[in-house]
Amino acid sequence: MINLPSIAILGTGSMGGAILSGLLAPGVTVDGRIRVTNRSERKAAALRSPSVTSLAIEKDRGANLAAVAGARVVLVAVKPHMVPDLLREISGAIDPGAVVVSVAAGVRIDTMQAIVDVPVLRAMPNTPATVGRAVTGVSAGDRASDSDVAVVTALFGTVGSVLEVPESRIDALSAVSGSGPAYVFLLIEELERTAFKLGFTRQESRVMVENTFLGASELLAASGETPAELRRRVTSPKGTTERAIEVLEEAGLSAMFDRATDAAIARAKELAAS
C-alpha cells in the first residue's frame, strides 16, 4: 500500500499521464483529490473521473492556479522551456507546505528555487513508467526535508523503482536509465534486421528477438543472479555463443557504451547551459 497526500500534475502528457496511471493503480491511495491540467479540453476531458479533477487551460486560464491550490505535491511535467514561466505563474498560489518536483530535463534546481519559495526536487523517470516499470532518479534541493524526499520517492514508486542521487549525478543517471530504453530498442532493431537477413520473415524475426529480450530480462529478475553469471551459463566453452561474444568484445562494445553515455552527459550539460 502506498499512501500519498494531495497532488497536482501540471501538464498531463505522456510522462504526466503515466504518473497519473500509477496514482490510480490498486494499492495506491491519495488523500484529497488529484488535480491535473492540460492545454486542450479534449485531453482534459479524457482524464476526468471521480478521483481526478482535470482542468483545461483553453477553457480556464487559471487552471494551473486552481490545480495547485491545496496540493501537497506539485508535479511539473511540461516541456523544459516552459518550466520557468509556469513556475512564475503558480508561485503565489503554491501552499507554503507544498513541494515542487519537476520531470523536465535540463532545468536545474537552483533555477527553480529562484522562482518559488517552497522545496524543489528534480526527478528523471524513463519511458517504461507507462507500464509501471520505470527507473526514476530523484534529486533534492537544499530546502527539501527528509519527509519531502520520502513523499516524492513514494510518488514515483507507483510507477517503478526509485534512486535518490545528488543533482550532480542526475545527468549520468539519465544517460544510463533515461536513454537506456533507446539503447535496448536499437539492439532489438539490429538483431531483428540480422534475423531477417538470415531468411526469417519480419514477423518471425520480431517474435524471436523481442521475446528473447523479454525472456532474458525476466530470467535476470527471477534468478537473482548477475548478468555476467547468466551469460556464462549460456556461453558453452568453444561453442557458438562463445564465438559470437568474442566478435562483440573485439568490436569494443564496452568502450562504445562508455563513449555513448559520455556523449549523452555532454549534451545534457549543453542543454542546461542554453
C-alpha atoms as a PDB file:
ATOM      1  CA  MET A   1       0.000   0.000   0.000  1.00  0.00           C
ATOM      2  CA  ILE A   2       1.186   3.493  -0.887  1.00  0.00           C
ATOM      3  CA  ASN A   3      -0.465   6.483   0.781  1.00  0.00           C
ATOM      4  CA  LEU A   4       0.094   9.908  -0.724  1.00  0.00           C
ATOM      5  CA  PRO A   5      -1.092  13.442   0.035  1.00  0.00           C
ATOM      6  CA  SER A   6      -2.959  15.694  -2.402  1.00  0.00           C
ATOM      7  CA  ILE A   7      -1.235  16.035  -5.766  1.00  0.00           C
ATOM      8  CA  ALA A   8      -1.371  18.407  -8.722  1.00  0.00           C
ATOM      9  CA  ILE A   9       0.078  17.386 -12.098  1.00  0.00           C
ATOM     10  CA  LEU A  10       0.697  20.299 -14.432  1.00  0.00           C
ATOM     11  CA  GLY A  11       0.993  19.016 -17.982  1.00  0.00           C
ATOM     12  CA  THR A  12      -0.516  15.560 -18.237  1.00  0.00           C
ATOM     13  CA  GLY A  13       1.140  14.350 -21.429  1.00  0.00           C
ATOM     14  CA  SER A  14       2.911  11.027 -21.826  1.00  0.00           C
ATOM     15  CA  MET A  15       5.002  11.205 -18.635  1.00  0.00           C
ATOM     16  CA  GLY A  16       2.446  13.088 -16.549  1.00  0.00           C
ATOM     17  CA  GLY A  17      -0.192  10.645 -17.769  1.00  0.00           C
ATOM     18  CA  ALA A  18       1.968   7.661 -16.840  1.00  0.00           C
ATOM     19  CA  ILE A  19       2.389   9.002 -13.318  1.00  0.00           C
ATOM     20  CA  LEU A  20      -1.344   9.639 -13.094  1.00  0.00           C
ATOM     21  CA  SER A  21      -1.934   6.000 -14.031  1.00  0.00           C
ATOM     22  CA  GLY A  22       0.366   4.973 -11.189  1.00  0.00           C
ATOM     23  CA  LEU A  23      -1.616   7.098  -8.741  1.00  0.00           C
ATOM     24  CA  LEU A  24      -4.824   5.367  -9.844  1.00  0.00           C
ATOM     25  CA  ALA A  25      -3.394   1.848  -9.547  1.00  0.00           C
ATOM     26  CA  PRO A  26      -4.743  -0.619  -6.963  1.00  0.00           C
ATOM     27  CA  GLY A  27      -2.980  -0.261  -3.630  1.00  0.00           C
ATOM     28  CA  VAL A  28      -2.397   3.479  -4.018  1.00  0.00           C
ATOM     29  CA  THR A  29      -4.461   5.996  -2.068  1.00  0.00           C
ATOM     30  CA  VAL A  30      -4.317   9.782  -2.384  1.00  0.00           C
ATOM     31  CA  ASP A  31      -5.681  11.903   0.459  1.00  0.00           C
ATOM     32  CA  GLY A  32      -7.687  14.596  -1.266  1.00  0.00           C
ATOM     33  CA  ARG A  33      -8.404  14.868  -4.948  1.00  0.00           C
ATOM     34  CA  ILE A  34      -5.853  14.586  -7.714  1.00  0.00           C
ATOM     35  CA  ARG A  35      -5.895  17.676  -9.904  1.00  0.00           C
ATOM     36  CA  VAL A  36      -4.345  17.688 -13.376  1.00  0.00           C
ATOM     37  CA  THR A  37      -4.093  20.200 -16.193  1.00  0.00           C
ATOM     38  CA  ASN A  38      -3.796  20.078 -19.962  1.00  0.00           C
ATOM     39  CA  ARG A  39      -3.883  22.745 -22.613  1.00  0.00           C
ATOM     40  CA  SER A  40      -6.848  21.294 -24.533  1.00  0.00           C
ATOM     41  CA  GLU A  41     -10.327  20.411 -23.312  1.00  0.00           C
ATOM     42  CA  ARG A  42     -10.241  17.234 -25.387  1.00  0.00           C
ATOM     43  CA  LYS A  43      -7.243  15.885 -23.467  1.00  0.00           C
ATOM     44  CA  ALA A  44      -8.553  17.137 -20.139  1.00  0.00           C
ATOM     45  CA  ALA A  45     -11.964  15.517 -20.639  1.00  0.00           C
ATOM     46  CA  ALA A  46     -10.391  12.112 -21.269  1.00  0.00           C
ATOM     47  CA  LEU A  47      -8.771  12.173 -17.813  1.00  0.00           C
ATOM     48  CA  ARG A  48     -11.774  13.187 -15.715  1.00  0.00           C
ATOM     49  CA  SER A  49     -13.050  10.640 -13.224  1.00  0.00           C
ATOM     50  CA  PRO A  50     -14.476  10.533  -9.707  1.00  0.00           C
ATOM     51  CA  SER A  51     -10.858  10.564  -8.443  1.00  0.00           C
ATOM     52  CA  VAL A  52      -9.404  13.141 -10.833  1.00  0.00           C
ATOM     53  CA  THR A  53     -10.266  16.794 -11.366  1.00  0.00           C
ATOM     54  CA  SER A  54      -8.980  17.533 -14.862  1.00  0.00           C
ATOM     55  CA  LEU A  55      -8.769  21.147 -15.985  1.00  0.00           C
ATOM     56  CA  ALA A  56      -8.233  22.603 -19.458  1.00  0.00           C
ATOM     57  CA  ILE A  57      -6.244  25.811 -19.882  1.00  0.00           C
ATOM     58  CA  GLU A  58      -8.087  26.659 -23.104  1.00  0.00           C
ATOM     59  CA  LYS A  59     -11.331  26.842 -21.096  1.00  0.00           C
ATOM     60  CA  ASP A  60      -9.912  28.338 -17.900  1.00  0.00           C
ATOM     61  CA  ARG A  61      -6.776  30.467 -17.983  1.00  0.00           C
ATOM     62  CA  GLY A  62      -6.461  29.965 -14.225  1.00  0.00           C
ATOM     63  CA  ALA A  63      -6.461  26.166 -14.466  1.00  0.00           C
ATOM     64  CA  ASN A  64      -2.894  25.779 -13.178  1.00  0.00           C
ATOM     65  CA  LEU A  65      -3.583  28.087 -10.240  1.00  0.00           C
ATOM     66  CA  ALA A  66      -6.716  26.119  -9.344  1.00  0.00           C
ATOM     67  CA  ALA A  67      -4.830  22.827  -9.610  1.00  0.00           C
ATOM     68  CA  VAL A  68      -2.026  23.761  -7.216  1.00  0.00           C
ATOM     69  CA  ALA A  69      -4.259  25.313  -4.545  1.00  0.00           C
ATOM     70  CA  GLY A  70      -4.144  22.966  -1.540  1.00  0.00           C
ATOM     71  CA  ALA A  71      -1.818  20.450  -3.197  1.00  0.00           C
ATOM     72  CA  ARG A  72       0.977  18.983  -1.050  1.00  0.00           C
ATOM     73  CA  VAL A  73       2.932  17.880  -4.147  1.00  0.00           C
ATOM     74  CA  VAL A  74       3.057  19.919  -7.353  1.00  0.00           C
ATOM     75  CA  LEU A  75       4.418  17.842 -10.219  1.00  0.00           C
ATOM     76  CA  VAL A  76       5.658  19.949 -13.135  1.00  0.00           C
ATOM     77  CA  ALA A  77       5.536  17.829 -16.297  1.00  0.00           C
ATOM     78  CA  VAL A  78       5.601  20.420 -19.071  1.00  0.00           C
ATOM     79  CA  LYS A  79       8.365  20.814 -21.664  1.00  0.00           C
ATOM     80  CA  PRO A  80      11.663  22.133 -20.244  1.00  0.00           C
ATOM     81  CA  HIS A  81      11.492  25.550 -21.914  1.00  0.00           C
ATOM     82  CA  MET A  82       8.047  26.109 -20.358  1.00  0.00           C
ATOM     83  CA  VAL A  83       9.080  25.423 -16.749  1.00  0.00           C
ATOM     84  CA  PRO A  84      10.292  28.898 -15.657  1.00  0.00           C
ATOM     85  CA  ASP A  85       7.196  30.698 -16.957  1.00  0.00           C
ATOM     86  CA  LEU A  86       4.905  28.083 -15.415  1.00  0.00           C
ATOM     87  CA  LEU A  87       6.616  28.408 -12.033  1.00  0.00           C
ATOM     88  CA  ARG A  88       6.309  32.194 -12.172  1.00  0.00           C
ATOM     89  CA  GLU A  89       2.611  31.764 -12.946  1.00  0.00           C
ATOM     90  CA  ILE A  90       1.873  29.488  -9.980  1.00  0.00           C
ATOM     91  CA  SER A  91       4.418  30.741  -7.434  1.00  0.00           C
ATOM     92  CA  GLY A  92       1.883  32.815  -5.490  1.00  0.00           C
ATOM     93  CA  ALA A  93      -0.699  30.011  -5.393  1.00  0.00           C
ATOM     94  CA  ILE A  94       1.517  27.208  -4.052  1.00  0.00           C
ATOM     95  CA  ASP A  95       0.809  26.292  -0.435  1.00  0.00           C
ATOM     96  CA  PRO A  96       3.732  27.047   1.939  1.00  0.00           C
ATOM     97  CA  GLY A  97       3.856  23.378   2.978  1.00  0.00           C
ATOM     98  CA  ALA A  98       3.981  22.059  -0.587  1.00  0.00           C
ATOM     99  CA  VAL A  99       6.892  20.636  -2.543  1.00  0.00           C
ATOM    100  CA  VAL A 100       7.528  21.183  -6.254  1.00  0.00           C
ATOM    101  CA  VAL A 101       9.017  18.336  -8.289  1.00  0.00           C
ATOM    102  CA  SER A 102       9.958  18.699 -11.938  1.00  0.00           C
ATOM    103  CA  VAL A 103      10.472  15.953 -14.511  1.00  0.00           C
ATOM    104  CA  ALA A 104      11.896  18.405 -17.073  1.00  0.00           C
ATOM    105  CA  ALA A 105      15.345  17.514 -18.345  1.00  0.00           C
ATOM    106  CA  GLY A 106      17.999  20.196 -18.069  1.00  0.00           C
ATOM    107  CA  VAL A 107      16.152  22.560 -15.707  1.00  0.00           C
ATOM    108  CA  ARG A 108      18.318  22.850 -12.615  1.00  0.00           C
ATOM    109  CA  ILE A 109      17.110  23.031  -9.033  1.00  0.00           C
ATOM    110  CA  ASP A 110      18.693  26.437  -8.417  1.00  0.00           C
ATOM    111  CA  THR A 111      16.818  27.829 -11.438  1.00  0.00           C
ATOM    112  CA  MET A 112      13.519  26.658  -9.955  1.00  0.00           C
ATOM    113  CA  GLN A 113      14.370  27.704  -6.379  1.00  0.00           C
ATOM    114  CA  ALA A 114      14.999  31.234  -7.631  1.00  0.00           C
ATOM    115  CA  ILE A 115      11.336  31.412  -8.688  1.00  0.00           C
ATOM    116  CA  VAL A 116       9.387  29.557  -5.966  1.00  0.00           C
ATOM    117  CA  ASP A 117       9.817  29.707  -2.190  1.00  0.00           C
ATOM    118  CA  VAL A 118       8.975  26.071  -1.422  1.00  0.00           C
ATOM    119  CA  PRO A 119      11.243  22.981  -1.526  1.00  0.00           C
ATOM    120  CA  VAL A 120      12.144  21.795  -5.021  1.00  0.00           C
ATOM    121  CA  LEU A 121      13.203  18.383  -6.301  1.00  0.00           C
ATOM    122  CA  ARG A 122      14.127  17.054  -9.723  1.00  0.00           C
ATOM    123  CA  ALA A 123      13.018  13.654 -10.942  1.00  0.00           C
ATOM    124  CA  MET A 124      14.133  11.798 -14.058  1.00  0.00           C
ATOM    125  CA  PRO A 125      11.799   8.878 -14.821  1.00  0.00           C
ATOM    126  CA  ASN A 126      12.200   6.885 -18.023  1.00  0.00           C
ATOM    127  CA  THR A 127       9.544   5.837 -20.528  1.00  0.00           C
ATOM    128  CA  PRO A 128       8.808   2.384 -19.016  1.00  0.00           C
ATOM    129  CA  ALA A 129       6.824   4.424 -16.469  1.00  0.00           C
ATOM    130  CA  THR A 130       3.941   3.937 -18.903  1.00  0.00           C
ATOM    131  CA  VAL A 131       3.898   0.226 -17.975  1.00  0.00           C
ATOM    132  CA  GLY A 132       4.845   0.648 -14.318  1.00  0.00           C
ATOM    133  CA  ARG A 133       8.496  -0.353 -14.842  1.00  0.00           C
ATOM    134  CA  ALA A 134      10.276   2.985 -14.622  1.00  0.00           C
ATOM    135  CA  VAL A 135      13.618   3.771 -13.099  1.00  0.00           C
ATOM    136  CA  THR A 136      13.404   7.265 -11.611  1.00  0.00           C
ATOM    137  CA  GLY A 137      16.275   9.302 -10.263  1.00  0.00           C
ATOM    138  CA  VAL A 138      15.291  11.841  -7.598  1.00  0.00           C
ATOM    139  CA  SER A 139      17.477  14.783  -6.558  1.00  0.00           C
ATOM    140  CA  ALA A 140      16.554  17.075  -3.686  1.00  0.00           C
ATOM    141  CA  GLY A 141      17.263  20.780  -3.359  1.00  0.00           C
ATOM    142  CA  ASP A 142      18.728  22.152  -0.146  1.00  0.00           C
ATOM    143  CA  ARG A 143      15.303  23.250   1.116  1.00  0.00           C
ATOM    144  CA  ALA A 144      13.827  19.748   0.904  1.00  0.00           C
ATOM    145  CA  SER A 145      13.368  17.797   4.133  1.00  0.00           C
ATOM    146  CA  ASP A 146      13.588  14.039   4.580  1.00  0.00           C
ATOM    147  CA  SER A 147       9.777  13.910   4.596  1.00  0.00           C
ATOM    148  CA  ASP A 148       9.655  15.811   1.292  1.00  0.00           C
ATOM    149  CA  VAL A 149      12.032  13.298  -0.268  1.00  0.00           C
ATOM    150  CA  ALA A 150      10.012  10.415   1.176  1.00  0.00           C
ATOM    151  CA  VAL A 151       6.778  11.734  -0.330  1.00  0.00           C
ATOM    152  CA  VAL A 152       8.325  12.219  -3.763  1.00  0.00           C
ATOM    153  CA  THR A 153      10.002   8.796  -3.609  1.00  0.00           C
ATOM    154  CA  ALA A 154       6.650   7.208  -2.769  1.00  0.00           C
ATOM    155  CA  LEU A 155       5.012   9.101  -5.639  1.00  0.00           C
ATOM    156  CA  PHE A 156       7.430   7.742  -8.226  1.00  0.00           C
ATOM    157  CA  GLY A 157       7.346   4.354  -6.547  1.00  0.00           C
ATOM    158  CA  THR A 158       3.860   3.976  -8.033  1.00  0.00           C
ATOM    159  CA  VAL A 159       5.446   3.617 -11.496  1.00  0.00           C
ATOM    160  CA  GLY A 160       8.606   1.644 -10.738  1.00  0.00           C
ATOM    161  CA  SER A 161      11.936   1.811  -8.915  1.00  0.00           C
ATOM    162  CA  VAL A 162      13.402   4.998  -7.420  1.00  0.00           C
ATOM    163  CA  LEU A 163      17.019   6.010  -6.765  1.00  0.00           C
ATOM    164  CA  GLU A 164      17.922   9.101  -4.755  1.00  0.00           C
ATOM    165  CA  VAL A 165      21.012  10.749  -6.246  1.00  0.00           C
ATOM    166  CA  PRO A 166      22.684  14.164  -5.904  1.00  0.00           C
ATOM    167  CA  GLU A 167      21.882  16.564  -8.719  1.00  0.00           C
ATOM    168  CA  SER A 168      25.499  16.338  -9.860  1.00  0.00           C
ATOM    169  CA  ARG A 169      24.750  12.722 -10.871  1.00  0.00           C
ATOM    170  CA  ILE A 170      21.333  13.248 -12.451  1.00  0.00           C
ATOM    171  CA  ASP A 171      22.737  13.683 -15.978  1.00  0.00           C
ATOM    172  CA  ALA A 172      24.736  10.476 -15.633  1.00  0.00           C
ATOM    173  CA  LEU A 173      21.651   8.636 -14.412  1.00  0.00           C
ATOM    174  CA  SER A 174      19.691   9.991 -17.359  1.00  0.00           C
ATOM    175  CA  ALA A 175      22.408   8.828 -19.761  1.00  0.00           C
ATOM    176  CA  VAL A 176      22.008   5.272 -18.431  1.00  0.00           C
ATOM    177  CA  SER A 177      18.379   4.749 -17.417  1.00  0.00           C
ATOM    178  CA  GLY A 178      16.748   7.714 -19.154  1.00  0.00           C
ATOM    179  CA  SER A 179      18.297   6.998 -22.552  1.00  0.00           C
ATOM    180  CA  GLY A 180      18.706   3.289 -21.790  1.00  0.00           C
ATOM    181  CA  PRO A 181      15.403   2.148 -23.318  1.00  0.00           C
ATOM    182  CA  ALA A 182      16.530   3.627 -26.646  1.00  0.00           C
ATOM    183  CA  TYR A 183      19.764   1.625 -26.450  1.00  0.00           C
ATOM    184  CA  VAL A 184      17.763  -1.554 -25.847  1.00  0.00           C
ATOM    185  CA  PHE A 185      15.369  -0.777 -28.695  1.00  0.00           C
ATOM    186  CA  LEU A 186      18.350  -0.171 -31.001  1.00  0.00           C
ATOM    187  CA  LEU A 187      19.811  -3.568 -30.101  1.00  0.00           C
ATOM    188  CA  ILE A 188      16.434  -5.178 -30.783  1.00  0.00           C
ATOM    189  CA  GLU A 189      16.198  -3.400 -34.140  1.00  0.00           C
ATOM    190  CA  GLU A 190      19.644  -4.587 -35.173  1.00  0.00           C
ATOM    191  CA  LEU A 191      19.104  -8.196 -34.114  1.00  0.00           C
ATOM    192  CA  GLU A 192      15.746  -8.251 -35.919  1.00  0.00           C
ATOM    193  CA  ARG A 193      17.497  -6.923 -39.025  1.00  0.00           C
ATOM    194  CA  THR A 194      20.081  -9.695 -38.747  1.00  0.00           C
ATOM    195  CA  ALA A 195      17.384 -12.357 -38.323  1.00  0.00           C
ATOM    196  CA  PHE A 196      15.630 -11.053 -41.449  1.00  0.00           C
ATOM    197  CA  LYS A 197      18.893 -11.222 -43.417  1.00  0.00           C
ATOM    198  CA  LEU A 198      19.223 -14.857 -42.290  1.00  0.00           C
ATOM    199  CA  GLY A 199      15.968 -15.665 -44.085  1.00  0.00           C
ATOM    200  CA  PHE A 200      13.277 -15.284 -41.434  1.00  0.00           C
ATOM    201  CA  THR A 201      10.176 -13.212 -42.133  1.00  0.00           C
ATOM    202  CA  ARG A 202       9.707  -9.826 -40.484  1.00  0.00           C
ATOM    203  CA  GLN A 203       7.114 -11.342 -38.150  1.00  0.00           C
ATOM    204  CA  GLU A 204       9.282 -14.344 -37.297  1.00  0.00           C
ATOM    205  CA  SER A 205      12.232 -12.055 -36.631  1.00  0.00           C
ATOM    206  CA  ARG A 206      10.146  -9.888 -34.338  1.00  0.00           C
ATOM    207  CA  VAL A 207       8.806 -12.863 -32.363  1.00  0.00           C
ATOM    208  CA  MET A 208      12.262 -14.363 -31.934  1.00  0.00           C
ATOM    209  CA  VAL A 209      14.099 -11.224 -30.945  1.00  0.00           C
ATOM    210  CA  GLU A 210      11.553  -9.376 -28.832  1.00  0.00           C
ATOM    211  CA  ASN A 211      10.659 -12.464 -26.834  1.00  0.00           C
ATOM    212  CA  THR A 212      14.331 -13.296 -26.381  1.00  0.00           C
ATOM    213  CA  PHE A 213      14.925  -9.874 -24.820  1.00  0.00           C
ATOM    214  CA  LEU A 214      11.771 -10.150 -22.726  1.00  0.00           C
ATOM    215  CA  GLY A 215      12.606 -13.665 -21.568  1.00  0.00           C
ATOM    216  CA  ALA A 216      16.194 -12.769 -20.730  1.00  0.00           C
ATOM    217  CA  SER A 217      15.045  -9.772 -18.663  1.00  0.00           C
ATOM    218  CA  GLU A 218      12.502 -11.852 -16.770  1.00  0.00           C
ATOM    219  CA  LEU A 219      15.084 -14.575 -16.154  1.00  0.00           C
ATOM    220  CA  LEU A 220      17.506 -11.976 -14.788  1.00  0.00           C
ATOM    221  CA  ALA A 221      14.836 -10.587 -12.452  1.00  0.00           C
ATOM    222  CA  ALA A 222      13.663 -14.012 -11.271  1.00  0.00           C
ATOM    223  CA  SER A 223      17.050 -15.691 -10.829  1.00  0.00           C
ATOM    224  CA  GLY A 224      18.764 -13.169  -8.576  1.00  0.00           C
ATOM    225  CA  GLU A 225      21.981 -13.853 -10.483  1.00  0.00           C
ATOM    226  CA  THR A 226      24.243 -11.274 -12.084  1.00  0.00           C
ATOM    227  CA  PRO A 227      24.081 -10.735 -15.856  1.00  0.00           C
ATOM    228  CA  ALA A 228      27.678 -11.967 -16.079  1.00  0.00           C
ATOM    229  CA  GLU A 229      26.771 -15.273 -14.421  1.00  0.00           C
ATOM    230  CA  LEU A 230      23.725 -15.833 -16.614  1.00  0.00           C
ATOM    231  CA  ARG A 231      25.792 -15.036 -19.701  1.00  0.00           C
ATOM    232  CA  ARG A 232      28.418 -17.554 -18.570  1.00  0.00           C
ATOM    233  CA  ARG A 233      25.748 -20.262 -18.308  1.00  0.00           C
ATOM    234  CA  VAL A 234      24.624 -19.649 -21.884  1.00  0.00           C
ATOM    235  CA  THR A 235      28.181 -19.466 -23.222  1.00  0.00           C
ATOM    236  CA  SER A 236      29.456 -23.028 -23.551  1.00  0.00           C
ATOM    237  CA  PRO A 237      33.246 -23.310 -23.906  1.00  0.00           C
ATOM    238  CA  LYS A 238      34.282 -23.422 -27.573  1.00  0.00           C
ATOM    239  CA  GLY A 239      30.616 -23.196 -28.600  1.00  0.00           C
ATOM    240  CA  THR A 240      28.707 -20.956 -30.984  1.00  0.00           C
ATOM    241  CA  THR A 241      27.707 -18.354 -28.377  1.00  0.00           C
ATOM    242  CA  GLU A 242      31.292 -18.006 -27.205  1.00  0.00           C
ATOM    243  CA  ARG A 243      32.397 -17.291 -30.780  1.00  0.00           C
ATOM    244  CA  ALA A 244      29.701 -14.627 -31.187  1.00  0.00           C
ATOM    245  CA  ILE A 245      30.577 -12.989 -27.850  1.00  0.00           C
ATOM    246  CA  GLU A 246      34.231 -12.837 -28.916  1.00  0.00           C
ATOM    247  CA  VAL A 247      33.236 -10.871 -32.019  1.00  0.00           C
ATOM    248  CA  LEU A 248      31.207  -8.396 -29.927  1.00  0.00           C
ATOM    249  CA  GLU A 249      34.084  -7.940 -27.500  1.00  0.00           C
ATOM    250  CA  GLU A 250      36.573  -7.459 -30.329  1.00  0.00           C
ATOM    251  CA  ALA A 251      34.335  -4.671 -31.656  1.00  0.00           C
ATOM    252  CA  GLY A 252      34.901  -2.761 -28.403  1.00  0.00           C
ATOM    253  CA  LEU A 253      31.337  -2.928 -27.130  1.00  0.00           C
ATOM    254  CA  SER A 254      32.326  -1.799 -23.612  1.00  0.00           C
ATOM    255  CA  ALA A 255      34.209   1.263 -24.868  1.00  0.00           C
ATOM    256  CA  MET A 256      31.362   2.045 -27.240  1.00  0.00           C
ATOM    257  CA  PHE A 257      28.872   2.247 -24.351  1.00  0.00           C
ATOM    258  CA  ASP A 258      31.309   4.482 -22.447  1.00  0.00           C
ATOM    259  CA  ARG A 259      31.507   6.852 -25.420  1.00  0.00           C
ATOM    260  CA  ALA A 260      27.757   6.824 -25.910  1.00  0.00           C
ATOM    261  CA  THR A 261      26.951   7.718 -22.301  1.00  0.00           C
ATOM    262  CA  ASP A 262      29.705  10.353 -22.244  1.00  0.00           C
ATOM    263  CA  ALA A 263      28.105  11.946 -25.311  1.00  0.00           C
ATOM    264  CA  ALA A 264      24.672  11.944 -23.665  1.00  0.00           C
ATOM    265  CA  ILE A 265      26.044  13.567 -20.493  1.00  0.00           C
ATOM    266  CA  ALA A 266      27.864  16.221 -22.518  1.00  0.00           C
ATOM    267  CA  ARG A 267      24.684  17.035 -24.417  1.00  0.00           C
ATOM    268  CA  ALA A 268      22.712  17.316 -21.167  1.00  0.00           C
ATOM    269  CA  LYS A 269      25.216  19.884 -19.904  1.00  0.00           C
ATOM    270  CA  GLU A 270      24.914  21.828 -23.170  1.00  0.00           C
ATOM    271  CA  LEU A 271      21.124  21.911 -22.836  1.00  0.00           C
ATOM    272  CA  ALA A 272      21.314  23.027 -19.204  1.00  0.00           C
ATOM    273  CA  ALA A 273      23.629  25.884 -20.156  1.00  0.00           C
ATOM    274  CA  SER A 274      21.489  27.104 -23.062  1.00  0.00           C
END
